[in-house]
Structure formats: C-alpha cells, structure tokens
Amino acid sequence: MKLLLATSNRGKVCEFHHLFPGSLFELVTPADLKLDLEVAENGKTYTENARLKALAFALTSGLVTLADDSGLEVDALGGEPGVHSARYAGEDASDHARIAKLLSGLRDVPWEKRTARFRCVIAVASPDGRVGFAEGFCDGIITFEPKGDGGFGYDPVFYFPEYGRTMAELPMELKNRVSHRGKAAVAALPLIERMLKEARDARTT
C-alpha cells in the first residue's frame, strides 16, 4: 500500500523516510506521482492547515495521505511565529532569513526567558474524505546564534538543555525520537495503518 506524503519540503521527506523505516507501506511524494497541486495554507491553526493539505491530496490522488503542519512557539514573543513560522519573514524567505528575524526579535531577551516549543499536527486523510489527527511537541530554548548543520527551518536555534545541543546538532536517530514531528509520527502510526487497511479492504469488496 502507498501512503502519500503531501509535501515538497525535502527536509520533511527525509525525516519521514527515517521515521517510517521498514513500514508496511510505501511512502511516496507528489513528485513521485508527478502530481502538481497547490493548496493554500490559510487556516488559523496547525490542525486546519494539515487537514486542508491532507484532504486535498487524498481526494486528488485517490491515496491515503499524510500532511503535517508545524511551527515554533516562542514564549517571549507571545507564541509567535506559531502557525506563521514558514512565512515569518515573507512568503519565499529562506531559513536563514527567518532565523535572522527571530533572533532580531529576541535581541534583548535573556537566556532564561528564551523558552520555546516546537509543535506538530499530522493529518491523515482517506480518499473518501475521512480525516484523523495526531500531535507532538517538544520544549527547548532559543539560542543567541545558529549552531549545527543538520535539519532545516529553525533547528539551528532550538536548543535542548538536556542534550546540550541544538536540534540541528542532534544525530537523526535522536532527533526523530525527541522532536515534535517524531512524536507526532509515532502517535499517527496506528491511524495510518487503520486507514490503509480500510482502503485496501474497500478495494477488494
């Protein structure tokens, strides 16, 4: 059975391939299917955005589809950038530009008040329109400067005190165990397997 991963983000594709190694399903992307579909992520919450993407791709492809929406919530910024994390410095801004804007907004904030969390909501949609959700989050501190070459997005400035490293400095195996996306993926796995089974059963009846 194929599970469609509704993203063109190479970092996410890489992470999900590591999160579901040796699974009972084949993870495919819109690029693999030559599927060109743009979905406006105009929801007010992670759940709304994840649902929009998962459902649109499931209905178009005829495949059970996984989509996620995630964001960085910084306490000193009142929870920003939150659902706007990917567009924090503009629609087509680079990771570098987003990090620069974030650090500029925290320029005068001391270490003990730079607390933050990553949050991820995964939506799994079936071609018949049903959608289920799973969520994961992790807590950390925003550093004063980027560190590490791994990961993507805000990973280089998200510091885990218990490991003494930023998310970008963690090996993939550890990152997938402690990250917001890794935790959401674990929670979503029973939902994915159930929807795939139901889709397979529907095709054989």
N, C-alpha and C. Protein backbone atom coordinates (compact mmCIF):
# COMPACT_ATOMS: atom_id res chain seq x y z
N MET A 1 0.84 -1.20 0.00
CA MET A 1 0.00 0.00 0.00
C MET A 1 0.88 1.26 0.00
N LYS A 2 0.41 2.27 -0.71
CA LYS A 2 1.14 3.52 -0.79
C LYS A 2 0.52 4.55 0.15
N LEU A 3 1.37 5.29 0.83
CA LEU A 3 0.95 6.44 1.64
C LEU A 3 1.55 7.67 1.02
N LEU A 4 0.70 8.61 0.63
CA LEU A 4 1.17 9.84 0.01
C LEU A 4 1.56 10.85 1.08
N LEU A 5 2.77 11.36 0.99
CA LEU A 5 3.24 12.41 1.89
C LEU A 5 3.08 13.75 1.18
N ALA A 6 2.14 14.56 1.65
CA ALA A 6 1.77 15.78 0.94
C ALA A 6 2.72 16.92 1.26
N THR A 7 3.92 16.85 0.71
CA THR A 7 4.88 17.94 0.88
C THR A 7 5.91 17.90 -0.22
N SER A 8 6.47 19.06 -0.52
CA SER A 8 7.61 19.14 -1.44
C SER A 8 8.87 19.55 -0.67
N ASN A 9 8.75 19.65 0.65
CA ASN A 9 9.88 20.04 1.51
C ASN A 9 10.83 18.85 1.65
N ARG A 10 12.02 18.98 1.11
CA ARG A 10 12.97 17.87 1.11
C ARG A 10 13.37 17.44 2.51
N GLY A 11 13.45 18.41 3.42
CA GLY A 11 13.80 18.09 4.80
C GLY A 11 12.75 17.21 5.44
N LYS A 12 11.48 17.54 5.22
CA LYS A 12 10.40 16.73 5.77
C LYS A 12 10.37 15.35 5.15
N VAL A 13 10.57 15.28 3.84
CA VAL A 13 10.57 13.97 3.16
C VAL A 13 11.65 13.08 3.75
N CYS A 14 12.84 13.63 3.94
CA CYS A 14 13.94 12.87 4.53
C CYS A 14 13.59 12.38 5.93
N GLU A 15 13.02 13.27 6.75
CA GLU A 15 12.68 12.89 8.12
C GLU A 15 11.63 11.79 8.14
N PHE A 16 10.60 11.90 7.33
CA PHE A 16 9.54 10.89 7.35
C PHE A 16 10.04 9.54 6.85
N HIS A 17 10.96 9.54 5.91
CA HIS A 17 11.55 8.27 5.47
C HIS A 17 12.31 7.60 6.61
N HIS A 18 12.95 8.40 7.45
CA HIS A 18 13.64 7.86 8.62
C HIS A 18 12.66 7.46 9.72
N LEU A 19 11.54 8.17 9.81
CA LEU A 19 10.56 7.89 10.86
C LEU A 19 9.78 6.61 10.60
N PHE A 20 9.65 6.23 9.33
CA PHE A 20 8.87 5.04 8.98
C PHE A 20 9.73 4.01 8.25
N PRO A 21 10.87 3.62 8.81
CA PRO A 21 11.72 2.64 8.12
C PRO A 21 11.10 1.24 8.19
N GLY A 22 11.15 0.53 7.08
CA GLY A 22 10.66 -0.85 7.07
C GLY A 22 9.19 -0.98 7.39
N SER A 23 8.40 0.07 7.13
CA SER A 23 6.98 0.02 7.44
C SER A 23 6.24 -0.86 6.44
N LEU A 24 4.97 -1.11 6.74
CA LEU A 24 4.16 -1.97 5.89
C LEU A 24 3.55 -1.19 4.73
N PHE A 25 4.03 0.04 4.53
CA PHE A 25 3.53 0.85 3.42
C PHE A 25 4.69 1.52 2.71
N GLU A 26 4.44 1.93 1.47
CA GLU A 26 5.43 2.63 0.67
C GLU A 26 5.13 4.13 0.72
N LEU A 27 6.11 4.90 1.17
CA LEU A 27 5.93 6.34 1.27
C LEU A 27 6.27 6.99 -0.06
N VAL A 28 5.30 7.69 -0.64
CA VAL A 28 5.52 8.37 -1.92
C VAL A 28 5.20 9.85 -1.78
N THR A 29 5.74 10.65 -2.68
CA THR A 29 5.55 12.10 -2.64
C THR A 29 4.79 12.55 -3.89
N PRO A 30 4.26 13.78 -3.88
CA PRO A 30 3.63 14.31 -5.09
C PRO A 30 4.58 14.28 -6.30
N ALA A 31 5.87 14.53 -6.06
CA ALA A 31 6.84 14.49 -7.16
C ALA A 31 6.95 13.10 -7.75
N ASP A 32 6.90 12.07 -6.89
CA ASP A 32 6.96 10.69 -7.38
C ASP A 32 5.78 10.39 -8.30
N LEU A 33 4.64 10.97 -8.00
CA LEU A 33 3.42 10.72 -8.77
C LEU A 33 3.21 11.74 -9.89
N LYS A 34 4.17 12.69 -10.01
CA LYS A 34 4.03 13.80 -10.97
C LYS A 34 2.71 14.53 -10.74
N LEU A 35 2.43 14.74 -9.47
CA LEU A 35 1.19 15.40 -9.06
C LEU A 35 1.49 16.84 -8.70
N ASP A 36 0.95 17.77 -9.46
CA ASP A 36 1.19 19.19 -9.24
C ASP A 36 -0.07 19.83 -8.66
N LEU A 37 -0.05 20.03 -7.36
CA LEU A 37 -1.23 20.56 -6.68
C LEU A 37 -0.79 21.57 -5.63
N GLU A 38 -1.32 22.77 -5.72
CA GLU A 38 -1.02 23.82 -4.75
C GLU A 38 -2.21 23.97 -3.81
N VAL A 39 -1.95 23.92 -2.52
CA VAL A 39 -3.01 24.06 -1.52
C VAL A 39 -2.71 25.28 -0.66
N ALA A 40 -3.63 26.22 -0.61
CA ALA A 40 -3.44 27.43 0.21
C ALA A 40 -3.53 27.07 1.69
N GLU A 41 -2.45 27.32 2.40
CA GLU A 41 -2.43 27.04 3.85
C GLU A 41 -2.91 28.29 4.58
N ASN A 42 -4.21 28.52 4.51
CA ASN A 42 -4.77 29.74 5.09
C ASN A 42 -5.58 29.47 6.35
N GLY A 43 -5.36 28.32 6.96
CA GLY A 43 -6.03 28.01 8.22
C GLY A 43 -5.46 28.83 9.37
N LYS A 44 -6.21 28.91 10.44
CA LYS A 44 -5.76 29.67 11.60
C LYS A 44 -5.04 28.81 12.62
N THR A 45 -5.04 27.49 12.41
CA THR A 45 -4.37 26.57 13.33
C THR A 45 -3.58 25.54 12.54
N TYR A 46 -2.65 24.85 13.23
CA TYR A 46 -1.91 23.77 12.59
C TYR A 46 -2.88 22.70 12.09
N THR A 47 -3.89 22.39 12.89
CA THR A 47 -4.85 21.35 12.54
C THR A 47 -5.57 21.69 11.24
N GLU A 48 -6.01 22.94 11.12
CA GLU A 48 -6.72 23.35 9.91
C GLU A 48 -5.82 23.23 8.68
N ASN A 49 -4.58 23.68 8.78
CA ASN A 49 -3.67 23.62 7.64
C ASN A 49 -3.34 22.18 7.26
N ALA A 50 -3.07 21.35 8.27
CA ALA A 50 -2.76 19.95 7.98
C ALA A 50 -3.95 19.26 7.31
N ARG A 51 -5.15 19.56 7.79
CA ARG A 51 -6.36 18.97 7.21
C ARG A 51 -6.55 19.41 5.75
N LEU A 52 -6.36 20.69 5.49
CA LEU A 52 -6.51 21.21 4.13
C LEU A 52 -5.60 20.46 3.15
N LYS A 53 -4.34 20.29 3.54
CA LYS A 53 -3.38 19.64 2.65
C LYS A 53 -3.68 18.15 2.49
N ALA A 54 -3.90 17.47 3.60
CA ALA A 54 -4.12 16.02 3.54
C ALA A 54 -5.36 15.69 2.71
N LEU A 55 -6.44 16.41 2.94
CA LEU A 55 -7.69 16.11 2.26
C LEU A 55 -7.61 16.42 0.77
N ALA A 56 -7.00 17.55 0.42
CA ALA A 56 -6.88 17.92 -0.99
C ALA A 56 -6.08 16.89 -1.77
N PHE A 57 -4.98 16.45 -1.20
CA PHE A 57 -4.13 15.48 -1.90
C PHE A 57 -4.77 14.09 -1.92
N ALA A 58 -5.48 13.72 -0.86
CA ALA A 58 -6.15 12.41 -0.84
C ALA A 58 -7.24 12.35 -1.89
N LEU A 59 -8.04 13.40 -2.00
CA LEU A 59 -9.13 13.42 -2.97
C LEU A 59 -8.61 13.45 -4.40
N THR A 60 -7.48 14.13 -4.62
CA THR A 60 -6.92 14.23 -5.96
C THR A 60 -6.20 12.95 -6.38
N SER A 61 -5.46 12.36 -5.46
CA SER A 61 -4.63 11.19 -5.79
C SER A 61 -5.35 9.85 -5.66
N GLY A 62 -6.39 9.81 -4.82
CA GLY A 62 -7.05 8.55 -4.53
C GLY A 62 -6.27 7.69 -3.55
N LEU A 63 -5.28 8.29 -2.88
CA LEU A 63 -4.45 7.57 -1.92
C LEU A 63 -4.66 8.11 -0.51
N VAL A 64 -4.49 7.24 0.48
CA VAL A 64 -4.42 7.72 1.86
C VAL A 64 -3.23 8.67 1.95
N THR A 65 -3.44 9.83 2.55
CA THR A 65 -2.45 10.91 2.50
C THR A 65 -2.13 11.44 3.89
N LEU A 66 -0.85 11.68 4.12
CA LEU A 66 -0.38 12.30 5.36
C LEU A 66 0.12 13.71 5.05
N ALA A 67 -0.32 14.67 5.85
CA ALA A 67 0.19 16.03 5.77
C ALA A 67 0.44 16.52 7.19
N ASP A 68 1.44 17.35 7.34
CA ASP A 68 1.67 17.90 8.67
C ASP A 68 1.80 19.42 8.57
N ASP A 69 1.47 20.06 9.67
CA ASP A 69 1.76 21.48 9.80
C ASP A 69 2.42 21.65 11.16
N SER A 70 3.47 22.42 11.18
CA SER A 70 4.22 22.58 12.42
C SER A 70 4.70 24.01 12.56
N GLY A 71 5.10 24.34 13.76
CA GLY A 71 5.55 25.70 13.99
C GLY A 71 6.35 25.83 15.27
N LEU A 72 7.00 26.95 15.40
CA LEU A 72 7.80 27.29 16.57
C LEU A 72 7.04 28.32 17.39
N GLU A 73 6.84 28.06 18.66
CA GLU A 73 6.12 28.97 19.55
C GLU A 73 7.08 29.49 20.61
N VAL A 74 7.38 30.78 20.55
CA VAL A 74 8.35 31.39 21.46
C VAL A 74 7.60 32.19 22.52
N ASP A 75 7.82 31.85 23.78
CA ASP A 75 7.07 32.46 24.87
C ASP A 75 7.26 33.97 24.94
N ALA A 76 8.49 34.44 24.76
CA ALA A 76 8.78 35.87 24.85
C ALA A 76 8.14 36.66 23.71
N LEU A 77 7.71 35.96 22.67
CA LEU A 77 7.05 36.61 21.53
C LEU A 77 5.56 36.34 21.53
N GLY A 78 5.03 35.93 22.68
CA GLY A 78 3.60 35.68 22.80
C GLY A 78 3.12 34.48 21.98
N GLY A 79 4.02 33.51 21.74
CA GLY A 79 3.66 32.33 20.97
C GLY A 79 3.98 32.42 19.49
N GLU A 80 4.47 33.56 19.07
CA GLU A 80 4.87 33.72 17.67
C GLU A 80 6.21 33.01 17.43
N PRO A 81 6.53 32.64 16.18
CA PRO A 81 5.73 32.84 14.96
C PRO A 81 4.57 31.85 14.80
N GLY A 82 4.55 30.76 15.56
CA GLY A 82 3.41 29.86 15.57
C GLY A 82 3.04 29.34 14.19
N VAL A 83 1.75 29.44 13.88
CA VAL A 83 1.25 28.91 12.61
C VAL A 83 1.83 29.64 11.41
N HIS A 84 2.44 30.79 11.65
CA HIS A 84 3.05 31.56 10.56
C HIS A 84 4.55 31.30 10.44
N SER A 85 5.06 30.26 11.08
CA SER A 85 6.51 30.02 11.13
C SER A 85 7.17 29.97 9.76
N ALA A 86 6.54 29.28 8.82
CA ALA A 86 7.15 29.13 7.49
C ALA A 86 7.16 30.45 6.71
N ARG A 87 6.26 31.36 7.08
CA ARG A 87 6.14 32.62 6.33
C ARG A 87 6.53 33.82 7.21
N TYR A 88 7.26 33.56 8.26
CA TYR A 88 7.57 34.58 9.26
C TYR A 88 8.32 35.78 8.68
N ALA A 89 9.21 35.51 7.74
CA ALA A 89 10.00 36.60 7.15
C ALA A 89 9.58 36.88 5.71
N GLY A 90 8.39 36.44 5.33
CA GLY A 90 7.91 36.62 3.96
C GLY A 90 7.63 35.29 3.31
N GLU A 91 6.82 35.31 2.28
CA GLU A 91 6.33 34.09 1.65
C GLU A 91 7.44 33.19 1.13
N ASP A 92 8.45 33.77 0.50
CA ASP A 92 9.52 32.97 -0.11
C ASP A 92 10.86 33.15 0.60
N ALA A 93 10.82 33.54 1.85
CA ALA A 93 12.05 33.78 2.60
C ALA A 93 12.80 32.48 2.85
N SER A 94 14.10 32.57 3.00
CA SER A 94 14.95 31.41 3.28
C SER A 94 14.94 31.10 4.77
N ASP A 95 15.42 29.90 5.12
CA ASP A 95 15.57 29.55 6.53
C ASP A 95 16.45 30.58 7.23
N HIS A 96 17.51 31.01 6.56
CA HIS A 96 18.43 31.99 7.14
C HIS A 96 17.70 33.29 7.47
N ALA A 97 16.83 33.74 6.57
CA ALA A 97 16.09 34.99 6.79
C ALA A 97 15.10 34.85 7.95
N ARG A 98 14.45 33.71 8.03
CA ARG A 98 13.51 33.50 9.13
C ARG A 98 14.22 33.48 10.48
N ILE A 99 15.34 32.79 10.53
CA ILE A 99 16.12 32.74 11.77
C ILE A 99 16.62 34.13 12.15
N ALA A 100 17.09 34.89 11.16
CA ALA A 100 17.58 36.25 11.42
C ALA A 100 16.49 37.12 12.01
N LYS A 101 15.28 37.03 11.48
CA LYS A 101 14.18 37.82 12.02
C LYS A 101 13.84 37.39 13.44
N LEU A 102 13.82 36.09 13.67
CA LEU A 102 13.52 35.58 15.01
C LEU A 102 14.54 36.08 16.02
N LEU A 103 15.81 35.96 15.71
CA LEU A 103 16.86 36.37 16.65
C LEU A 103 16.85 37.88 16.86
N SER A 104 16.49 38.62 15.83
CA SER A 104 16.39 40.08 15.98
C SER A 104 15.29 40.44 16.98
N GLY A 105 14.18 39.72 16.93
CA GLY A 105 13.09 39.99 17.86
C GLY A 105 13.39 39.61 19.29
N LEU A 106 14.42 38.75 19.46
CA LEU A 106 14.80 38.30 20.81
C LEU A 106 16.13 38.91 21.26
N ARG A 107 16.57 39.95 20.58
CA ARG A 107 17.89 40.52 20.82
C ARG A 107 18.14 40.87 22.28
N ASP A 108 17.15 41.41 22.96
CA ASP A 108 17.34 41.87 24.34
C ASP A 108 16.74 40.91 25.38
N VAL A 109 16.37 39.71 24.94
CA VAL A 109 15.74 38.75 25.85
C VAL A 109 16.81 37.84 26.45
N PRO A 110 16.91 37.76 27.79
CA PRO A 110 17.94 36.93 28.42
C PRO A 110 17.67 35.44 28.23
N TRP A 111 18.69 34.65 28.46
CA TRP A 111 18.64 33.19 28.22
C TRP A 111 17.46 32.52 28.91
N GLU A 112 17.25 32.84 30.17
CA GLU A 112 16.22 32.14 30.95
C GLU A 112 14.80 32.47 30.47
N LYS A 113 14.65 33.49 29.64
CA LYS A 113 13.32 33.85 29.14
C LYS A 113 13.14 33.52 27.65
N ARG A 114 14.07 32.74 27.10
CA ARG A 114 14.02 32.41 25.68
C ARG A 114 13.38 31.03 25.44
N THR A 115 12.50 30.63 26.34
CA THR A 115 11.85 29.32 26.24
C THR A 115 10.91 29.26 25.04
N ALA A 116 10.81 28.06 24.47
CA ALA A 116 10.01 27.88 23.27
C ALA A 116 9.64 26.41 23.12
N ARG A 117 8.76 26.15 22.18
CA ARG A 117 8.43 24.76 21.85
C ARG A 117 8.14 24.64 20.36
N PHE A 118 8.47 23.49 19.84
CA PHE A 118 8.05 23.10 18.51
C PHE A 118 6.77 22.30 18.64
N ARG A 119 5.80 22.55 17.78
CA ARG A 119 4.55 21.79 17.80
C ARG A 119 4.25 21.28 16.39
N CYS A 120 3.74 20.07 16.30
CA CYS A 120 3.42 19.47 15.00
C CYS A 120 2.06 18.77 15.08
N VAL A 121 1.24 19.01 14.08
CA VAL A 121 -0.02 18.28 13.93
C VAL A 121 0.03 17.53 12.61
N ILE A 122 -0.21 16.23 12.67
CA ILE A 122 -0.29 15.39 11.47
C ILE A 122 -1.75 15.09 11.19
N ALA A 123 -2.14 15.26 9.94
CA ALA A 123 -3.47 14.86 9.48
C ALA A 123 -3.30 13.70 8.51
N VAL A 124 -4.14 12.68 8.67
CA VAL A 124 -4.15 11.54 7.76
C VAL A 124 -5.55 11.48 7.16
N ALA A 125 -5.61 11.57 5.83
CA ALA A 125 -6.91 11.62 5.14
C ALA A 125 -7.05 10.44 4.19
N SER A 126 -8.26 9.93 4.11
CA SER A 126 -8.57 8.86 3.16
C SER A 126 -9.29 9.45 1.96
N PRO A 127 -9.26 8.77 0.82
CA PRO A 127 -9.91 9.29 -0.38
C PRO A 127 -11.42 9.47 -0.25
N ASP A 128 -12.02 8.83 0.77
CA ASP A 128 -13.46 9.01 0.96
C ASP A 128 -13.80 10.21 1.84
N GLY A 129 -12.76 10.98 2.23
CA GLY A 129 -12.99 12.23 2.94
C GLY A 129 -12.83 12.20 4.44
N ARG A 130 -12.50 11.04 5.00
CA ARG A 130 -12.29 10.98 6.45
C ARG A 130 -10.90 11.49 6.79
N VAL A 131 -10.79 12.18 7.93
CA VAL A 131 -9.51 12.74 8.36
C VAL A 131 -9.32 12.47 9.85
N GLY A 132 -8.12 12.02 10.23
CA GLY A 132 -7.77 11.84 11.63
C GLY A 132 -6.50 12.63 11.94
N PHE A 133 -6.25 12.87 13.22
CA PHE A 133 -5.14 13.75 13.61
C PHE A 133 -4.29 13.14 14.72
N ALA A 134 -3.04 13.56 14.74
CA ALA A 134 -2.11 13.23 15.83
C ALA A 134 -1.22 14.44 16.06
N GLU A 135 -0.74 14.60 17.29
CA GLU A 135 0.03 15.80 17.63
C GLU A 135 1.26 15.44 18.44
N GLY A 136 2.30 16.24 18.30
CA GLY A 136 3.51 16.08 19.10
C GLY A 136 4.15 17.43 19.36
N PHE A 137 4.88 17.55 20.46
CA PHE A 137 5.60 18.79 20.73
C PHE A 137 6.85 18.50 21.53
N CYS A 138 7.78 19.45 21.53
CA CYS A 138 8.99 19.35 22.35
C CYS A 138 9.37 20.75 22.81
N ASP A 139 9.97 20.82 23.99
CA ASP A 139 10.33 22.09 24.60
C ASP A 139 11.83 22.35 24.49
N GLY A 140 12.20 23.62 24.40
CA GLY A 140 13.60 23.98 24.32
C GLY A 140 13.81 25.45 24.58
N ILE A 141 14.98 25.95 24.18
CA ILE A 141 15.37 27.34 24.38
C ILE A 141 15.95 27.87 23.07
N ILE A 142 15.63 29.11 22.73
CA ILE A 142 16.17 29.71 21.52
C ILE A 142 17.57 30.26 21.81
N THR A 143 18.55 29.81 21.02
CA THR A 143 19.93 30.24 21.22
C THR A 143 20.13 31.67 20.73
N PHE A 144 21.32 32.22 21.00
CA PHE A 144 21.65 33.57 20.55
C PHE A 144 22.18 33.57 19.11
N GLU A 145 22.62 32.40 18.65
CA GLU A 145 23.11 32.28 17.28
C GLU A 145 22.93 30.84 16.80
N PRO A 146 22.83 30.62 15.50
CA PRO A 146 22.63 29.27 14.98
C PRO A 146 23.83 28.38 15.24
N LYS A 147 23.52 27.10 15.48
CA LYS A 147 24.58 26.10 15.66
C LYS A 147 24.11 24.78 15.05
N GLY A 148 25.00 24.16 14.27
CA GLY A 148 24.69 22.86 13.69
C GLY A 148 24.32 22.95 12.23
N ASP A 149 24.62 21.89 11.49
CA ASP A 149 24.40 21.86 10.05
C ASP A 149 23.27 20.92 9.65
N GLY A 150 22.69 20.20 10.61
CA GLY A 150 21.64 19.25 10.28
C GLY A 150 20.27 19.89 10.29
N GLY A 151 19.27 19.10 9.86
CA GLY A 151 17.89 19.56 9.92
C GLY A 151 17.59 20.69 8.95
N PHE A 152 16.57 21.46 9.28
CA PHE A 152 16.14 22.56 8.43
C PHE A 152 15.29 23.50 9.28
N GLY A 153 14.82 24.59 8.67
CA GLY A 153 13.97 25.53 9.39
C GLY A 153 14.70 26.16 10.57
N TYR A 154 14.04 26.13 11.72
CA TYR A 154 14.59 26.77 12.92
C TYR A 154 15.46 25.82 13.75
N ASP A 155 15.75 24.64 13.25
CA ASP A 155 16.53 23.66 14.01
C ASP A 155 17.84 24.20 14.58
N PRO A 156 18.59 25.05 13.85
CA PRO A 156 19.88 25.51 14.37
C PRO A 156 19.79 26.44 15.59
N VAL A 157 18.59 26.96 15.90
CA VAL A 157 18.49 27.85 17.07
C VAL A 157 17.60 27.26 18.16
N PHE A 158 17.19 26.01 18.01
CA PHE A 158 16.33 25.37 19.01
C PHE A 158 17.20 24.43 19.84
N TYR A 159 17.44 24.82 21.09
CA TYR A 159 18.42 24.15 21.96
C TYR A 159 17.74 23.25 22.99
N PHE A 160 18.25 22.02 23.10
CA PHE A 160 17.77 21.08 24.12
C PHE A 160 18.75 21.11 25.31
N PRO A 161 18.36 21.70 26.45
CA PRO A 161 19.27 21.73 27.61
C PRO A 161 19.73 20.34 28.04
N GLU A 162 18.82 19.34 27.94
CA GLU A 162 19.17 18.00 28.43
C GLU A 162 20.23 17.32 27.56
N TYR A 163 20.41 17.78 26.32
CA TYR A 163 21.42 17.19 25.45
C TYR A 163 22.58 18.15 25.18
N GLY A 164 22.43 19.40 25.57
CA GLY A 164 23.49 20.38 25.36
C GLY A 164 23.75 20.68 23.89
N ARG A 165 22.72 20.49 23.06
CA ARG A 165 22.88 20.68 21.62
C ARG A 165 21.58 21.25 21.03
N THR A 166 21.74 21.91 19.90
CA THR A 166 20.55 22.34 19.17
C THR A 166 19.99 21.16 18.39
N MET A 167 18.77 21.32 17.90
CA MET A 167 18.17 20.25 17.11
C MET A 167 19.00 19.98 15.86
N ALA A 168 19.64 20.99 15.31
CA ALA A 168 20.48 20.82 14.12
C ALA A 168 21.77 20.08 14.41
N GLU A 169 22.12 19.92 15.69
CA GLU A 169 23.34 19.20 16.08
C GLU A 169 23.06 17.76 16.48
N LEU A 170 21.79 17.39 16.57
CA LEU A 170 21.44 16.03 17.00
C LEU A 170 21.57 15.05 15.84
N PRO A 171 22.04 13.83 16.10
CA PRO A 171 22.00 12.80 15.06
C PRO A 171 20.55 12.49 14.73
N MET A 172 20.30 12.05 13.50
CA MET A 172 18.94 11.84 13.03
C MET A 172 18.14 10.92 13.93
N GLU A 173 18.75 9.84 14.38
CA GLU A 173 18.03 8.88 15.22
C GLU A 173 17.52 9.53 16.50
N LEU A 174 18.36 10.34 17.15
CA LEU A 174 17.95 11.01 18.38
C LEU A 174 16.93 12.10 18.08
N LYS A 175 17.15 12.86 17.02
CA LYS A 175 16.20 13.91 16.67
C LYS A 175 14.80 13.34 16.46
N ASN A 176 14.71 12.23 15.75
CA ASN A 176 13.41 11.63 15.47
C ASN A 176 12.73 11.10 16.73
N ARG A 177 13.52 10.80 17.74
CA ARG A 177 12.94 10.30 18.99
C ARG A 177 12.40 11.42 19.86
N VAL A 178 13.01 12.60 19.79
CA VAL A 178 12.65 13.67 20.73
C VAL A 178 11.93 14.84 20.07
N SER A 179 11.90 14.87 18.74
CA SER A 179 11.31 16.04 18.06
C SER A 179 9.80 16.00 18.05
N HIS A 180 9.22 17.16 17.81
CA HIS A 180 7.77 17.29 17.68
C HIS A 180 7.23 16.42 16.56
N ARG A 181 7.92 16.41 15.42
CA ARG A 181 7.45 15.63 14.27
C ARG A 181 7.60 14.13 14.53
N GLY A 182 8.69 13.76 15.20
CA GLY A 182 8.88 12.36 15.53
C GLY A 182 7.81 11.84 16.47
N LYS A 183 7.46 12.62 17.48
CA LYS A 183 6.43 12.22 18.43
C LYS A 183 5.06 12.15 17.75
N ALA A 184 4.78 13.11 16.87
CA ALA A 184 3.50 13.10 16.16
C ALA A 184 3.42 11.89 15.23
N ALA A 185 4.53 11.54 14.60
CA ALA A 185 4.54 10.39 13.69
C ALA A 185 4.26 9.09 14.44
N VAL A 186 4.85 8.93 15.61
CA VAL A 186 4.59 7.74 16.43
C VAL A 186 3.11 7.66 16.79
N ALA A 187 2.54 8.80 17.18
CA ALA A 187 1.13 8.84 17.55
C ALA A 187 0.22 8.58 16.35
N ALA A 188 0.68 8.96 15.15
CA ALA A 188 -0.14 8.81 13.95
C ALA A 188 -0.09 7.42 13.35
N LEU A 189 0.91 6.62 13.69
CA LEU A 189 1.12 5.34 13.03
C LEU A 189 -0.09 4.40 13.11
N PRO A 190 -0.73 4.23 14.28
CA PRO A 190 -1.93 3.36 14.30
C PRO A 190 -3.05 3.88 13.40
N LEU A 191 -3.19 5.19 13.32
CA LEU A 191 -4.20 5.80 12.45
C LEU A 191 -3.88 5.53 10.98
N ILE A 192 -2.61 5.67 10.62
CA ILE A 192 -2.19 5.41 9.24
C ILE A 192 -2.48 3.96 8.86
N GLU A 193 -2.08 3.04 9.73
CA GLU A 193 -2.26 1.63 9.44
C GLU A 193 -3.73 1.26 9.33
N ARG A 194 -4.58 1.86 10.17
CA ARG A 194 -6.01 1.57 10.11
C ARG A 194 -6.62 2.08 8.81
N MET A 195 -6.25 3.31 8.43
CA MET A 195 -6.82 3.88 7.20
C MET A 195 -6.35 3.12 5.96
N LEU A 196 -5.10 2.69 5.95
CA LEU A 196 -4.59 1.92 4.82
C LEU A 196 -5.31 0.57 4.72
N LYS A 197 -5.54 -0.05 5.87
CA LYS A 197 -6.26 -1.33 5.87
C LYS A 197 -7.68 -1.15 5.36
N GLU A 198 -8.34 -0.11 5.81
CA GLU A 198 -9.72 0.16 5.37
C GLU A 198 -9.75 0.45 3.86
N ALA A 199 -8.75 1.18 3.37
CA ALA A 199 -8.70 1.48 1.94
C ALA A 199 -8.46 0.20 1.14
N ARG A 200 -7.60 -0.68 1.64
CA ARG A 200 -7.33 -1.93 0.95
C ARG A 200 -8.58 -2.83 0.96
N ASP A 201 -9.25 -2.88 2.10
CA ASP A 201 -10.46 -3.71 2.19
C ASP A 201 -11.55 -3.20 1.26
N ALA A 202 -11.66 -1.87 1.15
CA ALA A 202 -12.69 -1.28 0.29
C ALA A 202 -12.46 -1.64 -1.18
N ARG A 203 -11.19 -1.79 -1.55
CA ARG A 203 -10.88 -2.10 -2.95
C ARG A 203 -11.13 -3.58 -3.28
N THR A 204 -11.18 -4.41 -2.28
CA THR A 204 -11.33 -5.85 -2.52
C THR A 204 -12.76 -6.32 -2.30
N THR A 205 -13.66 -5.39 -1.95
CA THR A 205 -15.05 -5.79 -1.74
C THR A 205 -15.95 -5.29 -2.86
